[in-house]
C-alpha atoms as a PDB file:
ATOM      1  CA  MET A   1       7.692 -14.670   7.697  1.00  0.00           C
ATOM      2  CA  ILE A   2       6.525 -12.074   5.185  1.00  0.00           C
ATOM      3  CA  LYS A   3       8.855 -10.095   2.947  1.00  0.00           C
ATOM      4  CA  PRO A   4       7.992  -6.536   1.926  1.00  0.00           C
ATOM      5  CA  PRO A   5       6.411  -6.058  -1.499  1.00  0.00           C
ATOM      6  CA  ILE A   6       8.517  -4.288  -4.122  1.00  0.00           C
ATOM      7  CA  ILE A   7       6.884  -1.702  -6.387  1.00  0.00           C
ATOM      8  CA  ALA A   8       8.519  -1.556  -9.802  1.00  0.00           C
ATOM      9  CA  PRO A   9       7.845  -0.442 -13.393  1.00  0.00           C
ATOM     10  CA  ILE A  10       5.988  -2.856 -15.634  1.00  0.00           C
ATOM     11  CA  PRO A  11       9.010  -4.049 -17.693  1.00  0.00           C
ATOM     12  CA  LEU A  12      10.869  -4.852 -14.453  1.00  0.00           C
ATOM     13  CA  LEU A  13       8.159  -6.779 -12.592  1.00  0.00           C
ATOM     14  CA  ASP A  14       9.742 -10.196 -13.186  1.00  0.00           C
ATOM     15  CA  TYR A  15      13.134  -8.835 -12.144  1.00  0.00           C
ATOM     16  CA  PHE A  16      12.232  -7.106  -8.884  1.00  0.00           C
ATOM     17  CA  CYS A  17       8.854  -8.439  -7.708  1.00  0.00           C
ATOM     18  CA  THR A  18       9.971 -11.811  -6.401  1.00  0.00           C
ATOM     19  CA  THR A  19       9.194 -11.681  -2.668  1.00  0.00           C
ATOM     20  CA  GLY A  20       5.888 -13.558  -2.924  1.00  0.00           C
ATOM     21  CA  VAL A  21       4.016 -10.499  -1.695  1.00  0.00           C
ATOM     22  CA  HIS A  22       2.803  -7.955  -4.238  1.00  0.00           C
ATOM     23  CA  VAL A  23       0.999  -4.627  -4.438  1.00  0.00           C
ATOM     24  CA  CYS A  24      -1.101  -4.155  -7.562  1.00  0.00           C
ATOM     25  CA  TYR A  25      -2.498  -0.712  -8.372  1.00  0.00           C
ATOM     26  CA  ALA A  26      -5.858  -0.539 -10.120  1.00  0.00           C
ATOM     27  CA  THR A  27      -5.066   2.656 -12.011  1.00  0.00           C
ATOM     28  CA  VAL A  28      -1.993   1.034 -13.559  1.00  0.00           C
ATOM     29  CA  ALA A  29      -3.823  -2.231 -14.263  1.00  0.00           C
ATOM     30  CA  SER A  30      -6.566  -0.326 -16.079  1.00  0.00           C
ATOM     31  CA  GLU A  31      -3.998   1.029 -18.550  1.00  0.00           C
ATOM     32  CA  SER A  32      -1.705  -1.981 -19.021  1.00  0.00           C
ATOM     33  CA  SER A  33      -2.734  -5.543 -19.842  1.00  0.00           C
ATOM     34  CA  GLU A  34       0.855  -6.675 -19.192  1.00  0.00           C
ATOM     35  CA  TYR A  35       0.711  -5.320 -15.642  1.00  0.00           C
ATOM     36  CA  ARG A  36      -2.769  -6.714 -15.052  1.00  0.00           C
ATOM     37  CA  ASP A  37      -1.845 -10.161 -16.383  1.00  0.00           C
ATOM     38  CA  PHE A  38       1.298 -10.318 -14.230  1.00  0.00           C
ATOM     39  CA  TYR A  39      -0.735  -9.918 -11.049  1.00  0.00           C
ATOM     40  CA  LYS A  40      -3.492 -12.231 -12.237  1.00  0.00           C
ATOM     41  CA  LYS A  41      -0.801 -14.857 -12.723  1.00  0.00           C
ATOM     42  CA  GLU A  42       0.719 -14.259  -9.289  1.00  0.00           C
ATOM     43  CA  SER A  43      -2.704 -14.429  -7.705  1.00  0.00           C
ATOM     44  CA  ARG A  44      -3.489 -17.726  -9.449  1.00  0.00           C
ATOM     45  CA  LYS A  45      -0.161 -19.085  -8.183  1.00  0.00           C
ATOM     46  CA  GLY A  46      -1.323 -18.462  -4.637  1.00  0.00           C
ATOM     47  CA  GLU A  47       1.017 -15.575  -3.898  1.00  0.00           C
ATOM     48  CA  ILE A  48      -0.232 -12.681  -1.779  1.00  0.00           C
ATOM     49  CA  VAL A  49      -1.508  -9.940  -4.059  1.00  0.00           C
ATOM     50  CA  ILE A  50      -2.640  -6.769  -2.314  1.00  0.00           C
ATOM     51  CA  MET A  51      -4.910  -4.634  -4.476  1.00  0.00           C
ATOM     52  CA  ASP A  52      -4.761  -0.883  -3.955  1.00  0.00           C
ATOM     53  CA  TYR A  53      -6.357   1.842  -6.033  1.00  0.00           C
ATOM     54  CA  SER A  54      -3.541   4.232  -6.903  1.00  0.00           C
ATOM     55  CA  PRO A  55       0.076   5.032  -5.992  1.00  0.00           C
ATOM     56  CA  LYS A  56      -0.512   8.742  -6.575  1.00  0.00           C
ATOM     57  CA  VAL A  57      -2.026  11.491  -4.470  1.00  0.00           C
ATOM     58  CA  PRO A  58      -4.647  12.777  -4.294  1.00  0.00           C
ATOM     59  CA  ARG A  59      -6.470   9.455  -4.102  1.00  0.00           C
ATOM     60  CA  VAL A  60      -9.964   9.844  -5.583  1.00  0.00           C
ATOM     61  CA  PRO A  61     -11.168   6.377  -6.601  1.00  0.00           C
ATOM     62  CA  LYS A  62     -13.482   5.378  -9.411  1.00  0.00           C
ATOM     63  CA  VAL A  63     -15.249   2.699  -7.429  1.00  0.00           C
ATOM     64  CA  ASP A  64     -16.884   0.817 -10.322  1.00  0.00           C
ATOM     65  CA  LEU A  65     -13.547   0.527 -12.141  1.00  0.00           C
ATOM     66  CA  TYR A  66     -11.898  -0.663  -8.953  1.00  0.00           C
ATOM     67  CA  LYS A  67     -14.511  -3.346  -8.346  1.00  0.00           C
ATOM     68  CA  ASP A  68     -14.192  -4.677 -11.905  1.00  0.00           C
ATOM     69  CA  LEU A  69     -10.410  -4.932 -11.628  1.00  0.00           C
ATOM     70  CA  VAL A  70     -10.568  -6.605  -8.207  1.00  0.00           C
ATOM     71  CA  GLU A  71     -12.931  -9.195  -9.672  1.00  0.00           C
ATOM     72  CA  ASP A  72     -10.651  -9.742 -12.679  1.00  0.00           C
ATOM     73  CA  ILE A  73      -7.313 -10.003 -10.836  1.00  0.00           C
ATOM     74  CA  GLY A  74      -8.527 -11.890  -7.756  1.00  0.00           C
ATOM     75  CA  PRO A  75      -6.294 -10.453  -4.997  1.00  0.00           C
ATOM     76  CA  ALA A  76      -6.120 -12.033  -1.558  1.00  0.00           C
ATOM     77  CA  VAL A  77      -6.050  -8.613   0.120  1.00  0.00           C
ATOM     78  CA  VAL A  78      -8.031  -5.528  -0.887  1.00  0.00           C
ATOM     79  CA  VAL A  79      -7.429  -1.963   0.238  1.00  0.00           C
ATOM     80  CA  LEU A  80     -10.879  -0.408   0.464  1.00  0.00           C
ATOM     81  CA  PRO A  81     -11.392   2.769  -1.598  1.00  0.00           C
ATOM     82  CA  ASP A  82     -10.542   6.019   0.152  1.00  0.00           C
ATOM     83  CA  THR A  83     -10.433   9.726  -0.659  1.00  0.00           C
ATOM     84  CA  ASP A  84      -7.586  11.781   0.767  1.00  0.00           C
ATOM     85  CA  ILE A  85      -8.493  13.863   3.832  1.00  0.00           C
ATOM     86  CA  LYS A  86     -12.217  13.084   3.413  1.00  0.00           C
ATOM     87  CA  MET A  87     -13.289  11.033   6.441  1.00  0.00           C
ATOM     88  CA  LYS A  88     -17.011  10.666   5.737  1.00  0.00           C
ATOM     89  CA  LYS A  89     -16.564  10.027   2.010  1.00  0.00           C
ATOM     90  CA  THR A  90     -13.934   7.387   2.770  1.00  0.00           C
ATOM     91  CA  ILE A  91     -16.138   5.657   5.344  1.00  0.00           C
ATOM     92  CA  ASP A  92     -19.192   5.650   3.078  1.00  0.00           C
ATOM     93  CA  GLU A  93     -17.307   4.440  -0.008  1.00  0.00           C
ATOM     94  CA  SER A  94     -15.377   1.819   1.907  1.00  0.00           C
ATOM     95  CA  LEU A  95     -18.340   0.266   3.671  1.00  0.00           C
ATOM     96  CA  ASP A  96     -20.396   0.299   0.464  1.00  0.00           C
ATOM     97  CA  PHE A  97     -17.517  -1.336  -1.414  1.00  0.00           C
ATOM     98  CA  LEU A  98     -17.146  -3.920   1.333  1.00  0.00           C
ATOM     99  CA  GLU A  99     -20.777  -4.865   0.811  1.00  0.00           C
ATOM    100  CA  GLN A 100     -20.310  -5.073  -2.976  1.00  0.00           C
ATOM    101  CA  VAL A 101     -17.351  -7.472  -2.812  1.00  0.00           C
ATOM    102  CA  LYS A 102     -18.470  -9.671   0.078  1.00  0.00           C
ATOM    103  CA  SER A 103     -19.311 -12.472  -2.353  1.00  0.00           C
ATOM    104  CA  PHE A 104     -15.763 -12.538  -3.785  1.00  0.00           C
ATOM    105  CA  SER A 105     -14.457 -15.679  -2.104  1.00  0.00           C
ATOM    106  CA  PHE A 106     -10.833 -15.009  -3.110  1.00  0.00           C
ATOM    107  CA  ILE A 107     -10.657 -11.974  -0.795  1.00  0.00           C
ATOM    108  CA  ARG A 108      -9.197 -13.117   2.511  1.00  0.00           C
ATOM    109  CA  SER A 109      -8.426  -9.733   4.105  1.00  0.00           C
ATOM    110  CA  THR A 110      -9.554  -6.139   3.742  1.00  0.00           C
ATOM    111  CA  ILE A 111      -7.753  -2.952   4.721  1.00  0.00           C
ATOM    112  CA  GLY A 112      -9.739   0.120   5.772  1.00  0.00           C
ATOM    113  CA  MET A 113      -7.851   3.365   5.245  1.00  0.00           C
ATOM    114  CA  LEU A 114      -7.721   6.110   7.863  1.00  0.00           C
ATOM    115  CA  GLN A 115      -8.592   9.499   6.400  1.00  0.00           C
ATOM    116  CA  GLY A 116      -9.389  12.806   8.036  1.00  0.00           C
ATOM    117  CA  ARG A 117      -8.265  16.378   8.679  1.00  0.00           C
ATOM    118  CA  ASN A 118      -7.088  15.817  12.235  1.00  0.00           C
ATOM    119  CA  LEU A 119      -6.554  13.181  14.904  1.00  0.00           C
ATOM    120  CA  LYS A 120     -10.187  13.282  16.033  1.00  0.00           C
ATOM    121  CA  GLU A 121     -11.456  12.493  12.533  1.00  0.00           C
ATOM    122  CA  LEU A 122      -8.893   9.725  12.184  1.00  0.00           C
ATOM    123  CA  GLY A 123     -10.149   8.311  15.468  1.00  0.00           C
ATOM    124  CA  ASP A 124     -13.750   8.442  14.243  1.00  0.00           C
ATOM    125  CA  CYS A 125     -12.694   6.703  11.039  1.00  0.00           C
ATOM    126  CA  TYR A 126     -10.928   3.994  13.020  1.00  0.00           C
ATOM    127  CA  THR A 127     -14.008   3.479  15.207  1.00  0.00           C
ATOM    128  CA  LYS A 128     -16.174   2.917  12.116  1.00  0.00           C
ATOM    129  CA  PHE A 129     -13.740   0.448  10.573  1.00  0.00           C
ATOM    130  CA  LYS A 130     -12.280  -1.549  13.443  1.00  0.00           C
ATOM    131  CA  ASP A 131     -15.012  -4.201  13.648  1.00  0.00           C
ATOM    132  CA  LYS A 132     -15.534  -4.440   9.886  1.00  0.00           C
ATOM    133  CA  VAL A 133     -12.077  -4.825   8.334  1.00  0.00           C
ATOM    134  CA  SER A 134      -9.075  -7.098   8.791  1.00  0.00           C
ATOM    135  CA  ALA A 135      -6.506  -4.308   9.116  1.00  0.00           C
ATOM    136  CA  ILE A 136      -6.177  -0.533   9.271  1.00  0.00           C
ATOM    137  CA  GLY A 137      -4.244   1.264   6.543  1.00  0.00           C
ATOM    138  CA  LEU A 138      -2.331   4.508   7.056  1.00  0.00           C
ATOM    139  CA  PRO A 139      -1.812   6.269   3.706  1.00  0.00           C
ATOM    140  CA  SER A 140       0.645   8.916   2.559  1.00  0.00           C
ATOM    141  CA  SER A 141      -1.938  11.692   3.037  1.00  0.00           C
ATOM    142  CA  LEU A 142      -1.439  11.365   6.802  1.00  0.00           C
ATOM    143  CA  GLU A 143       2.220  12.341   6.593  1.00  0.00           C
ATOM    144  CA  VAL A 144       1.289  16.050   6.807  1.00  0.00           C
ATOM    145  CA  LEU A 145      -0.362  15.411  10.192  1.00  0.00           C
ATOM    146  CA  ALA A 146       2.096  13.157  12.013  1.00  0.00           C
ATOM    147  CA  SER A 147       4.154  10.019  11.590  1.00  0.00           C
ATOM    148  CA  ARG A 148       2.227   6.799  11.187  1.00  0.00           C
ATOM    149  CA  ASN A 149       3.793   5.401  14.350  1.00  0.00           C
ATOM    150  CA  SER A 150       2.581   8.347  16.431  1.00  0.00           C
ATOM    151  CA  ILE A 151      -0.936   8.096  14.949  1.00  0.00           C
ATOM    152  CA  VAL A 152      -1.191   4.399  15.768  1.00  0.00           C
ATOM    153  CA  LYS A 153       0.036   5.085  19.289  1.00  0.00           C
ATOM    154  CA  SER A 154      -2.187   8.148  19.839  1.00  0.00           C
ATOM    155  CA  LEU A 155      -5.323   6.337  18.677  1.00  0.00           C
ATOM    156  CA  GLY A 156      -4.492   3.203  20.641  1.00  0.00           C
ATOM    157  CA  ILE A 157      -4.804   0.990  17.579  1.00  0.00           C
ATOM    158  CA  ILE A 158      -4.020  -2.591  18.493  1.00  0.00           C
ATOM    159  CA  MET A 159      -5.439  -4.421  15.458  1.00  0.00           C
ATOM    160  CA  PRO A 160      -3.220  -5.197  12.442  1.00  0.00           C
ATOM    161  CA  CYS A 161      -2.006  -2.163  10.493  1.00  0.00           C
ATOM    162  CA  ALA A 162      -0.512  -1.498   7.067  1.00  0.00           C
ATOM    163  CA  TYR A 163       1.666   1.496   6.215  1.00  0.00           C
ATOM    164  CA  VAL A 164       0.541   2.314   2.686  1.00  0.00           C
ATOM    165  CA  GLU A 165       2.691   3.963  -0.022  1.00  0.00           C
ATOM    166  CA  VAL A 166       5.164   5.779   2.208  1.00  0.00           C
ATOM    167  CA  TYR A 167       6.228   9.042   0.525  1.00  0.00           C
ATOM    168  CA  SER A 168       8.392  10.442   3.296  1.00  0.00           C
ATOM    169  CA  ASN A 169      11.560   9.074   4.914  1.00  0.00           C
ATOM    170  CA  VAL A 170      11.208   5.299   5.142  1.00  0.00           C
ATOM    171  CA  TYR A 171      13.598   5.243   8.108  1.00  0.00           C
ATOM    172  CA  ASP A 172      11.309   7.596  10.061  1.00  0.00           C
ATOM    173  CA  GLU A 173       8.141   5.797   8.997  1.00  0.00           C
ATOM    174  CA  ARG A 174       9.293   2.216   9.503  1.00  0.00           C
ATOM    175  CA  PRO A 175       7.147   0.562  12.157  1.00  0.00           C
ATOM    176  CA  PHE A 176       8.287  -0.449  15.610  1.00  0.00           C
ATOM    177  CA  MET A 177       5.034  -1.939  16.875  1.00  0.00           C
ATOM    178  CA  ASP A 178       4.111  -5.584  16.627  1.00  0.00           C
ATOM    179  CA  ASN A 179       0.663  -4.901  15.181  1.00  0.00           C
ATOM    180  CA  VAL A 180       2.079  -3.176  12.075  1.00  0.00           C
ATOM    181  CA  HIS A 181       2.342  -6.122   9.734  1.00  0.00           C
ATOM    182  CA  ILE A 182       3.258  -4.641   6.374  1.00  0.00           C
ATOM    183  CA  MET A 183       4.541  -1.499   4.682  1.00  0.00           C
ATOM    184  CA  TRP A 184       5.049  -0.622   1.054  1.00  0.00           C
ATOM    185  CA  SER A 185       6.631   2.246  -0.843  1.00  0.00           C
ATOM    186  CA  SER A 186       7.746   3.083  -4.367  1.00  0.00           C
ATOM    187  CA  LEU A 187      10.294   5.532  -2.920  1.00  0.00           C
ATOM    188  CA  PRO A 188      13.417   3.323  -3.334  1.00  0.00           C
ATOM    189  CA  LEU A 189      13.051   3.174  -7.112  1.00  0.00           C
ATOM    190  CA  ARG A 190      11.665   6.696  -7.496  1.00  0.00           C
ATOM    191  CA  LEU A 191      14.838   8.000  -5.851  1.00  0.00           C
ATOM    192  CA  ALA A 192      17.076   5.653  -7.828  1.00  0.00           C
ATOM    193  CA  TYR A 193      15.742   7.033 -11.106  1.00  0.00           C
ATOM    194  CA  LEU A 194      16.947  10.477  -9.973  1.00  0.00           C
ATOM    195  CA  GLY A 195      20.360   9.126  -9.004  1.00  0.00           C
ATOM    196  CA  ARG A 196      19.622   9.549  -5.299  1.00  0.00           C
ATOM    197  CA  ASP A 197      20.052   7.051  -2.497  1.00  0.00           C
ATOM    198  CA  LEU A 198      17.436   6.215   0.110  1.00  0.00           C
ATOM    199  CA  GLU A 199      18.498   9.091   2.348  1.00  0.00           C
ATOM    200  CA  GLY A 200      18.032  11.720  -0.371  1.00  0.00           C
ATOM    201  CA  ILE A 201      14.286  12.222  -0.064  1.00  0.00           C
ATOM    202  CA  ARG A 202      14.223  16.027  -0.429  1.00  0.00           C
ATOM    203  CA  PRO A 203      12.908  17.379  -2.652  1.00  0.00           C
ATOM    204  CA  SER A 204      10.265  14.680  -2.952  1.00  0.00           C
ATOM    205  CA  PRO A 205      10.665  12.707  -6.192  1.00  0.00           C
ATOM    206  CA  PRO A 206       7.832  12.524  -8.735  1.00  0.00           C
ATOM    207  CA  PRO A 207       5.536   9.478  -8.863  1.00  0.00           C
ATOM    208  CA  LEU A 208       7.004   6.303 -10.326  1.00  0.00           C
ATOM    209  CA  ASP A 209       6.856   6.059 -14.114  1.00  0.00           C
ATOM    210  CA  PHE A 210       5.541   2.515 -14.554  1.00  0.00           C
ATOM    211  CA  SER A 211       6.663   2.422 -18.193  1.00  0.00           C
ATOM    212  CA  ARG A 212      10.402   2.765 -17.451  1.00  0.00           C
ATOM    213  CA  LYS A 213      12.510  -0.057 -18.918  1.00  0.00           C
ATOM    214  CA  ASP A 214      15.921   0.887 -17.597  1.00  0.00           C
ATOM    215  CA  VAL A 215      17.344  -0.318 -14.293  1.00  0.00           C
ATOM    216  CA  PRO A 216      18.834   2.701 -12.497  1.00  0.00           C
ATOM    217  CA  MET A 217      22.291   2.346 -10.989  1.00  0.00           C
ATOM    218  CA  LEU A 218      21.087   2.748  -7.384  1.00  0.00           C
ATOM    219  CA  ALA A 219      18.044   0.468  -7.722  1.00  0.00           C
ATOM    220  CA  VAL A 220      19.482  -2.620  -6.058  1.00  0.00           C
ATOM    221  CA  SER A 221      21.298  -0.628  -3.375  1.00  0.00           C
ATOM    222  CA  ASN A 222      18.175   1.364  -2.458  1.00  0.00           C
ATOM    223  CA  LEU A 223      16.017  -1.742  -2.336  1.00  0.00           C
ATOM    224  CA  GLN A 224      18.560  -3.568  -0.173  1.00  0.00           C
ATOM    225  CA  LYS A 225      18.670  -0.651   2.261  1.00  0.00           C
ATOM    226  CA  TYR A 226      14.869  -0.498   2.270  1.00  0.00           C
ATOM    227  CA  VAL A 227      14.449  -4.190   3.070  1.00  0.00           C
ATOM    228  CA  LYS A 228      17.203  -4.022   5.703  1.00  0.00           C
ATOM    229  CA  ALA A 229      15.487  -1.062   7.385  1.00  0.00           C
ATOM    230  CA  LEU A 230      12.240  -3.001   7.595  1.00  0.00           C
ATOM    231  CA  VAL A 231      13.961  -6.136   8.863  1.00  0.00           C
ATOM    232  CA  GLN A 232      15.496  -4.069  11.658  1.00  0.00           C
ATOM    233  CA  SER A 233      12.047  -2.803  12.636  1.00  0.00           C
ATOM    234  CA  SER A 234       9.205  -4.962  13.928  1.00  0.00           C
ATOM    235  CA  LEU A 235       7.741  -5.313  10.452  1.00  0.00           C
ATOM    236  CA  ILE A 236       8.837  -8.643   9.065  1.00  0.00           C
ATOM    237  CA  GLY A 237       6.316 -10.833  10.814  1.00  0.00           C
ATOM    238  CA  ASP A 238       3.186 -12.792  10.051  1.00  0.00           C
ATOM    239  CA  PHE A 239       0.518 -11.174   7.895  1.00  0.00           C
ATOM    240  CA  ASP A 240      -2.831 -12.760   8.449  1.00  0.00           C
ATOM    241  CA  VAL A 241      -4.465 -13.281   5.090  1.00  0.00           C
END
């Protein structure tokens, strides 16, 4: 059984990130040796470290930086680089990156991200990725088009999926299909830092400040509600890495 990864500020990693499954962001790792070393350590321990490029939108990756950090940290799972809304750019960058890291023996799974302006482009993106990656990722940029669940259903995706950095209501976005194996979101702590519970998503909170040292009053409560919501969905199942 897999537990959902918790996304927390750097000073609170040891306190909150204890589920054995982690999401490490390259943009944060490039600026903090403490953050980078924490995930290198977890990776060396054999825990599941999922490497993603950035928790912020728009996502416009610096591919060379990303490759260097993947090689340094050694994650078991890598989210391939993607650019928000740009289908062709995402496909080209992802497949090129896949070729560049194919010799990295520590990578056990790859996640190809769906990007596009509409359902047709998302479908074309899925067609390009489905035989080349381990799982399909649905990022926050898709939330302006439709819910992740409806996109998976509309495109007939049956391979493993990941719901990546959910920005909208986690109750609406939580998966109810067996092929959605993992979801992650910084929303529980982003809301807690504003004194808002998990239901108070409007207006949307700013991105997580990874330098925060304080533990907000609603942190534990929001995280408990978040995990409970995922447990009640189909999510907490096996993740093939």
